Amino acid sequence: MQRWKFGWLAFAGASALTVGCAHSSPPSELTAARTAYQEVSRSPEGRERPADVAAARAALQEAENEYAESDGSVKTRSLAYVALRKAEIAEARGQADLAAQQRAQAEQALRQQQEARAQTLTKQQEEERARYEQQRQQYDQERQQYDAQRQQEAERMRTAEAQTRQQQEAEAQRMAQLNQELQQRTQQLEQERQARLQAEQRASTALTQLQDKDVKVREEARGTVVTLSGSVLFATNATDLLPAARDRLSDVATALKESKNPLLIEGYTDSRGTDTYNEQLSERRAESVRDFLVNQGVPSDRINIRGMGENRPVASNATAEGRANNRRVEIVVERNVAGAQPSRSGGVGGSGAQQPGQGDKESGQNAQPGGSGTQQPKPHGAGIDHQDPAPDQGTGGSGAQKQVPEQPQDHGE
């Protein structure tokens, strides 16, 4: 590979000198095509796609031949443009291949970490069982010793009644103190439970009062779910919160601070664009909502985020209105359990044992009417979140919206 690369560079240099002597300056398209090919042929992306690099080289050679025959012709520019696009395609595909390799390596490392964690947990459980067995044996031994002491004490009772009464009184006093401490602890736990229930009720009431056309509140088995319309929160393909969204989220943050329950923020998109792109966009939007809530005083250790992509649609993706309803952010106030921590997900996607539904990709509609099911994830790849702009989105705000970069598309095939 190195020999043909350097041979081609030498040939290109000689051709450039010859053309420079016989013709005027080459057109900008040809210059750009030469530069693009040289860069991709030396890059790691080019080494990943040798066939695409060879296609770009052939296209560039064709443009060079045309330039040598007809100085500055329209065909020369067209062929140079084709060569430029093929070089860009080779680079883009090489980037995709490298990204796939990196992802595979990351997944393998994650699997290894999970296996190591499982082994550690098993070892800890075995050690815990061994400690428990040792403590039980020690307890049995101590109980036997105690029984022996009681027998000895019963035999001495005839000659030491006074001492026995004192010991009994001391034991009774100790038991009374323990019983009093137990009652106090029981009352304290009940007070904490009541305070927790009252805080949850206050938070639920405050969230319910926020309901309007852009904020919906409902109760589910997993907790209270606050749904915010994506058209109110973000501009198309953007992850920065709109000014109007900040006002609504400030009210939501005030309500969420009423309780200490774990929070799960889930971002959703419509079905346009690829799974990879939609999952990344939905996760970034969930991050923006989380960061805003943290800035408003909601503790960060209560919050977990999840990018759901196009999974679990609430409406049909066949219409603009349905897609607008599917582009949303849901904040789940999870049920408060003693010692509960924010739920952790091993990956991006829905919770529970739900099975994604298969959508009709060619017609652009969901297989389940009304969008009640979830769609089958599509293969990973480049894509654009083709969101329909909401009517109430404007250009005002505190600054330019942060746009999610579009993935390169193959315009040369």
Protein backbone atom coordinates (compact mmCIF):
# COMPACT_ATOMS: atom_id res chain seq x y z
CA MET A 1 0.00 0.00 0.00
CA GLN A 2 2.86 2.38 0.85
CA ARG A 3 4.53 1.83 -2.54
CA TRP A 4 1.48 2.73 -4.61
CA LYS A 5 0.75 5.68 -2.35
CA PHE A 6 4.23 7.20 -2.78
CA GLY A 7 4.19 6.29 -6.49
CA TRP A 8 0.93 8.13 -6.92
CA LEU A 9 2.25 11.15 -5.02
CA ALA A 10 5.29 11.26 -7.28
CA PHE A 11 3.07 10.95 -10.34
CA ALA A 12 0.77 13.68 -9.07
CA GLY A 13 3.76 15.96 -8.42
CA ALA A 14 5.16 15.37 -11.91
CA SER A 15 1.74 15.93 -13.42
CA ALA A 16 1.38 19.17 -11.51
CA LEU A 17 4.76 20.43 -12.81
CA THR A 18 3.88 19.45 -16.37
CA VAL A 19 0.47 21.02 -16.20
CA GLY A 20 1.94 24.13 -14.59
CA CYS A 21 4.25 24.58 -17.57
CA ALA A 22 1.68 23.84 -20.27
CA HIS A 23 -1.51 25.33 -18.84
CA SER A 24 -2.73 28.12 -16.67
CA SER A 25 -3.50 27.63 -12.98
CA PRO A 26 -5.70 24.56 -12.38
CA PRO A 27 -9.33 25.19 -11.41
CA SER A 28 -10.18 25.39 -7.70
CA GLU A 29 -12.14 22.14 -7.88
CA LEU A 30 -9.10 20.23 -9.12
CA THR A 31 -6.87 21.80 -6.46
CA ALA A 32 -9.36 20.89 -3.74
CA ALA A 33 -9.65 17.33 -5.07
CA ARG A 34 -5.86 16.91 -5.02
CA THR A 35 -5.64 18.20 -1.45
CA ALA A 36 -8.52 16.04 -0.25
CA TYR A 37 -7.06 12.91 -1.81
CA GLN A 38 -3.58 13.54 -0.35
CA GLU A 39 -5.07 14.01 3.12
CA VAL A 40 -7.30 10.95 3.07
CA SER A 41 -4.60 8.73 1.56
CA ARG A 42 -2.33 9.50 4.54
CA SER A 43 -5.04 9.40 7.23
CA PRO A 44 -6.16 6.48 9.44
CA GLU A 45 -9.61 6.82 7.87
CA GLY A 46 -8.15 6.20 4.42
CA ARG A 47 -6.32 3.09 5.60
CA GLU A 48 -9.66 1.74 6.79
CA ARG A 49 -11.26 2.21 3.33
CA PRO A 50 -8.61 1.33 0.70
CA ALA A 51 -11.26 0.59 -1.94
CA ASP A 52 -12.87 4.01 -1.51
CA VAL A 53 -9.42 5.67 -1.59
CA ALA A 54 -8.65 3.81 -4.82
CA ALA A 55 -11.94 5.03 -6.31
CA ALA A 56 -11.05 8.60 -5.34
CA ARG A 57 -7.59 8.15 -6.90
CA ALA A 58 -9.10 6.88 -10.16
CA ALA A 59 -11.56 9.78 -10.26
CA LEU A 60 -8.75 12.26 -9.63
CA GLN A 61 -6.63 10.68 -12.36
CA GLU A 62 -9.53 11.03 -14.78
CA ALA A 63 -9.84 14.72 -13.86
CA GLU A 64 -6.07 15.18 -14.31
CA ASN A 65 -6.24 13.57 -17.76
CA GLU A 66 -9.11 15.81 -18.80
CA TYR A 67 -7.27 18.87 -17.49
CA ALA A 68 -4.17 17.89 -19.49
CA GLU A 69 -6.27 17.60 -22.66
CA SER A 70 -8.53 20.63 -22.24
CA ASP A 71 -7.36 23.40 -19.99
CA GLY A 72 -10.10 24.65 -17.62
CA SER A 73 -13.03 22.93 -19.35
CA VAL A 74 -16.39 22.40 -17.64
CA LYS A 75 -15.83 18.66 -17.77
CA THR A 76 -12.54 19.09 -15.92
CA ARG A 77 -14.36 20.90 -13.11
CA SER A 78 -17.09 18.27 -13.01
CA LEU A 79 -14.63 15.38 -12.85
CA ALA A 80 -12.60 17.19 -10.19
CA TYR A 81 -15.77 17.70 -8.16
CA VAL A 82 -16.55 13.98 -8.42
CA ALA A 83 -13.01 13.16 -7.26
CA LEU A 84 -13.37 15.56 -4.34
CA ARG A 85 -16.65 13.99 -3.25
CA LYS A 86 -15.20 10.47 -3.50
CA ALA A 87 -12.28 11.50 -1.30
CA GLU A 88 -14.71 12.95 1.23
CA ILE A 89 -16.80 9.77 1.06
CA ALA A 90 -13.71 7.65 1.75
CA GLU A 91 -12.88 9.81 4.75
CA ALA A 92 -16.45 9.71 6.10
CA ARG A 93 -16.73 5.95 5.74
CA GLY A 94 -13.33 5.51 7.34
CA GLN A 95 -14.48 7.61 10.27
CA ALA A 96 -17.56 5.43 10.62
CA ASP A 97 -15.43 2.25 10.57
CA LEU A 98 -13.07 3.64 13.22
CA ALA A 99 -16.01 4.69 15.37
CA ALA A 100 -17.49 1.18 15.08
CA GLN A 101 -14.19 -0.34 16.15
CA GLN A 102 -13.95 1.98 19.14
CA ARG A 103 -17.49 1.14 20.11
CA ALA A 104 -16.82 -2.60 19.92
CA GLN A 105 -13.78 -2.16 22.14
CA ALA A 106 -15.79 -0.15 24.64
CA GLU A 107 -18.54 -2.79 24.72
CA GLN A 108 -15.97 -5.53 25.30
CA ALA A 109 -14.42 -3.55 28.15
CA LEU A 110 -17.87 -3.04 29.66
CA ARG A 111 -18.63 -6.76 29.49
CA GLN A 112 -15.33 -7.51 31.21
CA GLN A 113 -16.12 -5.00 33.94
CA GLN A 114 -19.56 -6.51 34.47
CA GLU A 115 -18.12 -10.02 34.71
CA ALA A 116 -15.50 -8.86 37.20
CA ARG A 117 -18.18 -7.09 39.22
CA ALA A 118 -20.33 -10.24 39.26
CA GLN A 119 -17.40 -12.33 40.45
CA THR A 120 -16.64 -9.81 43.18
CA LEU A 121 -20.27 -9.81 44.30
CA THR A 122 -20.34 -13.63 44.45
CA LYS A 123 -17.19 -13.64 46.52
CA GLN A 124 -18.61 -11.05 48.89
CA GLN A 125 -21.79 -13.09 49.32
CA GLU A 126 -19.81 -16.21 50.14
CA GLU A 127 -17.72 -14.30 52.69
CA GLU A 128 -20.90 -12.88 54.21
CA ARG A 129 -22.41 -16.36 54.56
CA ALA A 130 -19.20 -17.59 56.20
CA ARG A 131 -19.29 -14.69 58.69
CA TYR A 132 -22.94 -15.39 59.45
CA GLU A 133 -22.22 -19.06 60.12
CA GLN A 134 -19.33 -18.14 62.41
CA GLN A 135 -21.51 -15.69 64.32
CA ARG A 136 -24.28 -18.28 64.66
CA GLN A 137 -21.86 -20.84 66.08
CA GLN A 138 -20.49 -18.25 68.46
CA TYR A 139 -24.03 -17.36 69.51
CA ASP A 140 -24.87 -21.03 70.18
CA GLN A 141 -21.74 -21.39 72.26
CA GLU A 142 -22.53 -18.26 74.25
CA ARG A 143 -26.10 -19.45 74.79
CA GLN A 144 -24.87 -22.78 76.14
CA GLN A 145 -22.50 -20.98 78.47
CA TYR A 146 -25.35 -18.74 79.61
CA ASP A 147 -27.57 -21.76 80.32
CA ALA A 148 -24.78 -23.33 82.35
CA GLN A 149 -24.36 -20.13 84.32
CA ARG A 150 -28.09 -19.99 85.01
CA GLN A 151 -28.02 -23.53 86.36
CA GLN A 152 -25.14 -22.61 88.60
CA GLU A 153 -26.99 -19.53 89.70
CA ALA A 154 -30.10 -21.56 90.51
CA GLU A 155 -28.03 -23.81 92.71
CA ARG A 156 -26.62 -20.79 94.58
CA MET A 157 -30.02 -19.13 94.94
CA ARG A 158 -30.67 -20.84 98.30
CA THR A 159 -27.56 -19.21 99.78
CA ALA A 160 -27.55 -15.93 97.80
CA GLU A 161 -31.19 -14.80 97.51
CA ALA A 162 -30.32 -11.18 98.13
CA GLN A 163 -27.71 -11.15 95.39
CA THR A 164 -30.12 -12.86 93.02
CA ARG A 165 -32.85 -10.24 93.68
CA GLN A 166 -30.40 -7.43 92.93
CA GLN A 167 -29.40 -9.07 89.68
CA GLN A 168 -33.04 -9.55 88.73
CA GLU A 169 -33.83 -5.90 89.46
CA ALA A 170 -30.85 -4.78 87.38
CA GLU A 171 -31.93 -7.01 84.52
CA ALA A 172 -35.49 -5.72 84.70
CA GLN A 173 -34.24 -2.14 84.62
CA ARG A 174 -32.06 -2.87 81.59
CA MET A 175 -34.95 -4.50 79.74
CA ALA A 176 -37.21 -1.57 80.54
CA GLN A 177 -34.63 0.81 79.16
CA LEU A 178 -34.29 -1.27 76.00
CA ASN A 179 -38.07 -1.36 75.59
CA GLN A 180 -38.24 2.41 75.98
CA GLU A 181 -35.49 2.90 73.39
CA LEU A 182 -37.32 0.55 71.02
CA GLN A 183 -40.54 2.51 71.38
CA GLN A 184 -38.72 5.79 70.78
CA ARG A 185 -37.06 4.38 67.69
CA THR A 186 -40.41 3.08 66.41
CA GLN A 187 -41.98 6.50 66.88
CA GLN A 188 -39.05 8.18 65.14
CA LEU A 189 -39.37 5.84 62.14
CA GLU A 190 -43.10 6.48 61.96
CA GLN A 191 -42.52 10.25 62.04
CA GLU A 192 -39.96 9.96 59.26
CA ARG A 193 -42.38 7.86 57.19
CA GLN A 194 -45.19 10.37 57.69
CA ALA A 195 -42.87 13.26 56.77
CA ARG A 196 -41.80 11.39 53.65
CA LEU A 197 -45.41 10.73 52.64
CA GLN A 198 -46.34 14.37 53.22
CA ALA A 199 -43.37 15.54 51.11
CA GLU A 200 -44.41 13.21 48.30
CA GLN A 201 -48.00 14.47 48.52
CA ARG A 202 -46.84 18.10 48.41
CA ALA A 203 -44.63 17.39 45.38
CA SER A 204 -47.47 15.53 43.60
CA THR A 205 -49.90 18.36 44.31
CA ALA A 206 -47.43 21.00 43.14
CA LEU A 207 -46.73 19.07 39.93
CA THR A 208 -50.44 18.55 39.27
CA GLN A 209 -51.02 22.30 39.52
CA LEU A 210 -48.50 22.83 36.71
CA GLN A 211 -50.59 20.91 34.16
CA ASP A 212 -51.44 22.70 30.93
CA LYS A 213 -51.18 21.95 27.20
CA ASP A 214 -47.36 21.73 27.41
CA VAL A 215 -46.97 19.97 30.78
CA LYS A 216 -48.81 16.71 31.55
CA VAL A 217 -48.74 14.84 34.88
CA ARG A 218 -49.85 11.23 35.35
CA GLU A 219 -49.36 8.46 37.88
CA GLU A 220 -47.75 5.16 36.90
CA ALA A 221 -46.50 2.12 38.77
CA ARG A 222 -42.95 3.50 38.65
CA GLY A 223 -44.01 6.90 40.05
CA THR A 224 -45.32 10.32 39.04
CA VAL A 225 -44.49 11.10 35.40
CA VAL A 226 -44.20 14.74 34.24
CA THR A 227 -44.23 15.01 30.43
CA LEU A 228 -42.94 18.22 28.79
CA SER A 229 -43.45 18.86 25.10
CA GLY A 230 -40.22 18.93 23.09
CA SER A 231 -41.47 21.87 20.99
CA VAL A 232 -41.55 24.01 24.16
CA LEU A 233 -38.15 22.89 25.44
CA PHE A 234 -35.93 22.87 22.34
CA ALA A 235 -35.60 24.20 18.84
CA THR A 236 -35.30 21.72 15.96
CA ASN A 237 -32.13 19.57 16.20
CA ALA A 238 -30.99 21.67 19.22
CA THR A 239 -30.16 20.73 22.82
CA ASP A 240 -30.15 24.18 24.46
CA LEU A 241 -33.29 25.05 26.40
CA LEU A 242 -35.53 27.76 24.95
CA PRO A 243 -36.23 30.82 27.16
CA ALA A 244 -39.88 29.79 27.63
CA ALA A 245 -38.76 26.31 28.69
CA ARG A 246 -36.60 27.75 31.47
CA ASP A 247 -39.66 29.42 33.02
CA ARG A 248 -41.65 26.19 32.95
CA LEU A 249 -38.74 24.11 34.27
CA SER A 250 -38.22 26.60 37.11
CA ASP A 251 -41.76 25.84 38.29
CA VAL A 252 -41.12 22.10 37.90
CA ALA A 253 -37.86 22.38 39.87
CA THR A 254 -39.68 24.16 42.69
CA ALA A 255 -42.21 21.32 42.87
CA LEU A 256 -39.52 18.60 42.70
CA LYS A 257 -37.66 20.10 45.66
CA GLU A 258 -40.68 19.32 47.85
CA SER A 259 -39.58 15.65 48.11
CA LYS A 260 -36.36 13.66 48.19
CA ASN A 261 -37.47 10.90 45.82
CA PRO A 262 -35.07 9.72 43.08
CA LEU A 263 -35.67 11.30 39.65
CA LEU A 264 -35.30 9.74 36.20
CA ILE A 265 -35.20 12.09 33.18
CA GLU A 266 -35.96 10.40 29.84
CA GLY A 267 -35.56 12.13 26.46
CA TYR A 268 -37.57 11.02 23.40
CA THR A 269 -37.57 11.82 19.66
CA ASP A 270 -39.79 10.94 16.72
CA SER A 271 -38.94 8.12 14.31
CA ARG A 272 -37.15 10.24 11.69
CA GLY A 273 -33.40 9.79 11.61
CA THR A 274 -31.36 6.79 12.72
CA ASP A 275 -31.47 5.15 16.16
CA THR A 276 -27.92 6.24 16.97
CA TYR A 277 -28.57 9.88 16.16
CA ASN A 278 -31.95 9.95 17.93
CA GLU A 279 -30.56 8.28 21.04
CA GLN A 280 -27.67 10.77 21.21
CA LEU A 281 -30.00 13.74 20.66
CA SER A 282 -32.52 12.53 23.27
CA GLU A 283 -29.75 11.88 25.81
CA ARG A 284 -28.24 15.35 25.30
CA ARG A 285 -31.66 16.93 25.79
CA ALA A 286 -32.15 14.95 28.99
CA GLU A 287 -28.74 16.22 30.12
CA SER A 288 -29.79 19.82 29.45
CA VAL A 289 -32.93 19.37 31.58
CA ARG A 290 -30.89 17.70 34.34
CA ASP A 291 -28.29 20.49 34.38
CA PHE A 292 -31.01 23.13 34.58
CA LEU A 293 -32.75 21.37 37.50
CA VAL A 294 -29.43 21.05 39.33
CA ASN A 295 -28.80 24.78 38.84
CA GLN A 296 -32.27 25.40 40.32
CA GLY A 297 -31.32 23.55 43.51
CA VAL A 298 -32.39 19.95 42.82
CA PRO A 299 -29.60 17.67 44.20
CA SER A 300 -27.65 16.03 41.39
CA ASP A 301 -27.37 12.71 43.28
CA ARG A 302 -31.15 12.31 42.98
CA ILE A 303 -31.13 12.52 39.18
CA ASN A 304 -30.40 9.91 36.55
CA ILE A 305 -30.87 10.44 32.79
CA ARG A 306 -31.66 8.15 29.88
CA GLY A 307 -31.81 8.75 26.11
CA MET A 308 -34.77 6.77 24.77
CA GLY A 309 -34.57 7.87 21.12
CA GLU A 310 -37.74 6.96 19.22
CA ASN A 311 -38.76 4.18 21.64
CA ARG A 312 -42.18 4.15 23.35
CA PRO A 313 -44.00 6.66 21.10
CA VAL A 314 -47.23 8.13 22.49
CA ALA A 315 -48.66 8.98 19.05
CA SER A 316 -48.33 7.98 15.42
CA ASN A 317 -45.17 9.15 13.66
CA ALA A 318 -47.09 9.32 10.36
CA THR A 319 -48.32 12.87 11.06
CA ALA A 320 -46.58 16.09 12.06
CA GLU A 321 -48.77 16.39 15.16
CA GLY A 322 -47.94 12.82 16.21
CA ARG A 323 -44.22 13.40 15.74
CA ALA A 324 -44.45 16.62 17.79
CA ASN A 325 -46.11 14.66 20.63
CA ASN A 326 -43.39 11.99 20.47
CA ARG A 327 -40.62 14.62 20.78
CA ARG A 328 -40.79 15.08 24.54
CA VAL A 329 -38.97 14.86 27.88
CA GLU A 330 -40.40 12.87 30.78
CA ILE A 331 -39.38 13.41 34.42
CA VAL A 332 -40.24 10.38 36.57
CA VAL A 333 -40.54 10.98 40.32
CA GLU A 334 -39.85 7.41 41.38
CA ARG A 335 -41.61 5.69 44.28
CA ASN A 336 -39.76 6.35 47.52
CA VAL A 337 -38.37 3.16 49.03
CA ALA A 338 -36.15 3.10 52.11
CA GLY A 339 -32.56 3.37 50.95
CA ALA A 340 -33.65 3.87 47.34
CA GLN A 341 -31.15 5.25 44.89
CA PRO A 342 -31.76 6.68 41.39
CA SER A 343 -32.30 3.82 38.94
CA ARG A 344 -29.28 2.99 36.83
CA SER A 345 -29.52 1.74 33.25
CA GLY A 346 -26.97 -0.49 31.56
CA GLY A 347 -27.75 1.17 28.22
CA VAL A 348 -30.00 3.48 26.38
CA GLY A 349 -33.60 2.40 25.98
CA GLY A 350 -36.86 1.74 27.81
CA SER A 351 -37.15 0.33 31.34
CA GLY A 352 -38.74 -2.93 32.32
CA ALA A 353 -39.38 -5.91 30.07
CA GLN A 354 -41.11 -4.14 27.25
CA GLN A 355 -40.46 -5.42 23.76
CA PRO A 356 -40.11 -2.75 21.05
CA GLY A 357 -42.71 -2.89 18.30
CA GLN A 358 -41.76 -3.02 14.65
CA GLY A 359 -42.70 0.13 12.71
CA ASP A 360 -43.57 0.41 9.03
CA LYS A 361 -40.37 2.08 7.84
CA GLU A 362 -41.34 2.38 4.19
CA SER A 363 -44.65 4.12 4.87
CA GLY A 364 -43.27 6.16 7.80
CA GLN A 365 -46.08 4.90 10.12
CA ASN A 366 -46.03 2.86 13.28
CA ALA A 367 -47.30 -0.68 13.12
CA GLN A 368 -49.42 -0.05 16.23
CA PRO A 369 -52.30 2.42 15.82
CA GLY A 370 -52.09 5.58 17.83
CA GLY A 371 -48.42 5.12 18.63
CA SER A 372 -49.16 3.09 21.82
CA GLY A 373 -46.32 0.61 21.24
CA THR A 374 -42.61 1.07 20.84
CA GLN A 375 -40.67 0.78 17.63
CA GLN A 376 -38.02 -1.76 16.78
CA PRO A 377 -34.57 -0.05 16.99
CA LYS A 378 -33.02 0.52 13.58
CA PRO A 379 -29.39 -0.27 12.70
CA HIS A 380 -26.86 2.23 13.94
CA GLY A 381 -25.63 4.72 11.44
CA ALA A 382 -25.54 8.37 10.47
CA GLY A 383 -28.77 10.33 10.32
CA ILE A 384 -30.53 13.61 10.91
CA ASP A 385 -33.34 14.30 13.38
CA HIS A 386 -35.97 15.51 10.89
CA GLN A 387 -38.17 17.30 13.37
CA ASP A 388 -41.09 19.40 12.25
CA PRO A 389 -40.59 22.90 13.65
CA ALA A 390 -43.33 23.84 16.11
CA PRO A 391 -45.36 26.97 15.25
CA ASP A 392 -44.48 28.68 18.54
CA GLN A 393 -40.72 28.40 18.15
CA GLY A 394 -39.03 31.72 17.52
CA THR A 395 -35.56 33.05 17.13
CA GLY A 396 -35.51 35.02 20.38
CA GLY A 397 -33.54 33.94 23.44
CA SER A 398 -30.40 34.59 25.39
CA GLY A 399 -28.10 33.28 22.65
CA ALA A 400 -27.68 31.04 19.64
CA GLN A 401 -29.01 27.53 20.02
CA LYS A 402 -26.45 24.72 20.22
CA GLN A 403 -27.12 22.59 17.14
CA VAL A 404 -26.43 18.87 17.07
CA PRO A 405 -24.03 18.34 14.11
CA GLU A 406 -25.49 16.58 11.10
CA GLN A 407 -23.86 13.40 9.95
CA PRO A 408 -22.23 13.41 6.50
CA GLN A 409 -24.32 12.00 3.64
CA ASP A 410 -23.17 10.21 0.56
CA HIS A 411 -23.94 12.69 -2.28
CA GLY A 412 -21.57 11.08 -4.77
CA GLU A 413 -23.26 7.73 -5.21
